[in-house]
Amino acid sequence: MTTGELPEWRDGTVAILSTVGVGMPHAIPVSTTIRAGPRRVLFALGHGRRSLTRLRADPRAALSLVGADNVAFTARGRAAVVLESLGSADNVAAVALDVERIDNHGRAEFEILDGVRWRWLDEAAERRDAQVRADLRALASGPRTR
């Protein structure tokens, strides 16, 4: 089922980013996704990620989330780097996915209670991750995004 707007989801919900590679799609987990509007998602990718290279070559992407509060969808669209380096992490790029299609995977027969459960084992990494999401939220509320 296709819906009109992105749902809300909890911070740290693991998403799967799928990009187009040479010959095959490629998928990686991403923990920094934020809803930046009804049809826009922001997330961060490290400069060394091959997914970032793939998006620069071919912007087609899909982002799938299955999380708490009955959130289950895939957002498909085009992704582009909107900021080469975030203030809190100069080795991380901010990427926007402009969503063209949203597939809602929810069904009347079941309810998603929770998604992937994970936690940081390194306190400094946990603080950086929270700051990256804060930087993405600030970017989402600024003039560069829709």
Protein backbone atom coordinates (compact mmCIF):
# COMPACT_ATOMS: atom_id res chain seq x y z
CA MET A 1 0.00 0.00 0.00
CA THR A 2 1.33 3.47 -0.84
CA THR A 3 0.73 6.25 1.66
CA GLY A 4 1.03 10.01 1.28
CA GLU A 5 3.37 10.91 4.13
CA LEU A 6 6.18 9.38 6.09
CA PRO A 7 5.22 8.19 9.57
CA GLU A 8 7.10 9.27 12.71
CA TRP A 9 9.66 6.87 14.23
CA ARG A 10 11.84 6.74 17.33
CA ASP A 11 15.43 8.01 17.42
CA GLY A 12 17.93 5.25 16.76
CA THR A 13 15.49 3.09 14.79
CA VAL A 14 17.64 1.01 12.49
CA ALA A 15 16.85 1.56 8.82
CA ILE A 16 18.17 -0.39 5.88
CA LEU A 17 19.49 1.82 3.09
CA SER A 18 19.50 0.17 -0.33
CA THR A 19 21.57 1.70 -3.11
CA VAL A 20 22.18 0.69 -6.70
CA GLY A 21 25.57 -0.83 -7.37
CA VAL A 22 27.27 -2.20 -10.42
CA GLY A 23 25.20 -5.24 -11.24
CA MET A 24 23.49 -5.59 -7.86
CA PRO A 25 21.71 -3.58 -5.17
CA HIS A 26 23.57 -3.07 -1.91
CA ALA A 27 22.02 -2.65 1.55
CA ILE A 28 23.46 -1.35 4.84
CA PRO A 29 22.00 -0.52 8.27
CA VAL A 30 21.75 3.18 9.19
CA SER A 31 20.96 4.44 12.71
CA THR A 32 20.81 8.21 12.12
CA THR A 33 17.62 8.62 10.08
CA ILE A 34 15.31 11.50 10.91
CA ARG A 35 12.02 12.55 9.35
CA ALA A 36 12.72 15.94 7.76
CA GLY A 37 9.26 16.48 6.33
CA PRO A 38 6.28 14.60 4.98
CA ARG A 39 8.34 13.17 2.11
CA ARG A 40 11.96 13.75 3.10
CA VAL A 41 14.43 11.82 5.25
CA LEU A 42 17.87 12.98 6.38
CA PHE A 43 20.60 10.59 7.46
CA ALA A 44 24.36 10.57 7.85
CA LEU A 45 26.92 8.45 6.05
CA GLY A 46 30.63 8.29 6.75
CA HIS A 47 32.87 9.54 3.96
CA GLY A 48 34.41 6.08 3.63
CA ARG A 49 31.08 4.32 3.00
CA ARG A 50 30.77 2.75 -0.43
CA SER A 51 27.03 3.49 -0.25
CA LEU A 52 27.90 7.20 -0.34
CA THR A 53 29.95 6.61 -3.49
CA ARG A 54 27.05 4.66 -5.04
CA LEU A 55 24.57 7.46 -4.27
CA ARG A 56 26.84 10.02 -5.90
CA ALA A 57 26.93 7.88 -9.05
CA ASP A 58 23.23 6.90 -9.02
CA PRO A 59 20.86 8.71 -6.64
CA ARG A 60 18.13 6.04 -6.70
CA ALA A 61 17.69 4.61 -3.21
CA ALA A 62 15.26 2.91 -0.87
CA LEU A 63 15.12 3.19 2.89
CA SER A 64 13.24 0.52 4.86
CA LEU A 65 12.26 0.89 8.51
CA VAL A 66 10.61 -1.69 10.76
CA GLY A 67 10.31 -0.37 14.27
CA ALA A 68 8.36 0.12 17.45
CA ASP A 69 4.88 1.62 17.46
CA ASN A 70 3.83 -0.36 14.38
CA VAL A 71 6.19 1.42 11.98
CA ALA A 72 6.91 -0.61 8.84
CA PHE A 73 7.55 1.08 5.50
CA THR A 74 9.91 1.51 2.58
CA ALA A 75 10.57 4.99 1.20
CA ARG A 76 11.88 5.09 -2.36
CA GLY A 77 13.31 8.11 -4.10
CA ARG A 78 16.45 10.01 -4.93
CA ALA A 79 19.22 10.76 -2.47
CA ALA A 80 21.79 13.55 -2.55
CA VAL A 81 24.46 14.89 -0.27
CA VAL A 82 23.16 18.16 1.21
CA LEU A 83 26.17 18.86 3.43
CA GLU A 84 29.62 17.38 2.90
CA SER A 85 30.56 17.49 6.58
CA LEU A 86 28.49 17.89 9.73
CA GLY A 87 29.68 20.27 12.42
CA SER A 88 29.93 17.50 15.01
CA ALA A 89 31.56 15.00 12.66
CA ASP A 90 33.64 16.31 9.76
CA ASN A 91 34.05 12.79 8.36
CA VAL A 92 30.28 12.37 7.96
CA ALA A 93 28.07 13.67 5.13
CA ALA A 94 24.41 14.61 5.53
CA VAL A 95 22.25 12.93 2.89
CA ALA A 96 18.64 13.75 1.99
CA LEU A 97 16.28 11.20 0.50
CA ASP A 98 13.53 12.97 -1.41
CA VAL A 99 10.77 10.40 -1.30
CA GLU A 100 8.77 9.64 -4.43
CA ARG A 101 6.95 6.55 -3.13
CA ILE A 102 6.13 5.21 0.33
CA ASP A 103 5.15 1.57 0.71
CA ASN A 104 3.39 0.92 4.01
CA HIS A 105 4.09 -2.65 5.11
CA GLY A 106 1.61 -2.66 8.01
CA ARG A 107 -1.26 -5.12 7.97
CA ALA A 108 -4.49 -5.49 9.90
CA GLU A 109 -3.48 -9.04 10.87
CA PHE A 110 -0.43 -8.05 12.95
CA GLU A 111 1.27 -5.20 14.80
CA ILE A 112 5.00 -4.38 14.90
CA LEU A 113 5.87 -4.05 18.60
CA ASP A 114 9.57 -3.38 18.30
CA GLY A 115 12.38 -3.23 15.80
CA VAL A 116 16.02 -4.16 16.08
CA ARG A 117 17.18 -3.71 19.67
CA TRP A 118 20.70 -2.38 19.96
CA ARG A 119 22.85 -0.14 22.17
CA TRP A 120 26.15 1.64 22.02
CA LEU A 121 29.02 0.01 23.92
CA ASP A 122 31.20 3.10 23.64
CA GLU A 123 29.97 6.26 25.41
CA ALA A 124 31.86 8.62 23.10
CA ALA A 125 30.33 6.94 20.03
CA GLU A 126 26.88 7.23 21.61
CA ARG A 127 27.39 10.97 22.18
CA ARG A 128 28.61 11.45 18.58
CA ASP A 129 25.58 9.58 17.23
CA ALA A 130 23.20 11.77 19.26
CA GLN A 131 25.03 14.91 18.08
CA VAL A 132 24.83 13.78 14.44
CA ARG A 133 21.04 13.41 14.78
CA ALA A 134 20.88 16.86 16.43
CA ASP A 135 22.87 18.32 13.52
CA LEU A 136 20.53 16.62 11.04
CA ARG A 137 17.48 18.06 12.87
CA ALA A 138 19.00 21.53 12.72
CA LEU A 139 19.65 21.04 9.01
CA ALA A 140 16.06 19.86 8.51
CA SER A 141 14.67 23.01 10.10
CA GLY A 142 16.96 25.32 8.11
CA PRO A 143 16.40 26.90 4.70
CA ARG A 144 18.16 24.12 2.74
CA THR A 145 15.42 21.53 3.17
CA ARG A 146 11.81 21.42 2.10
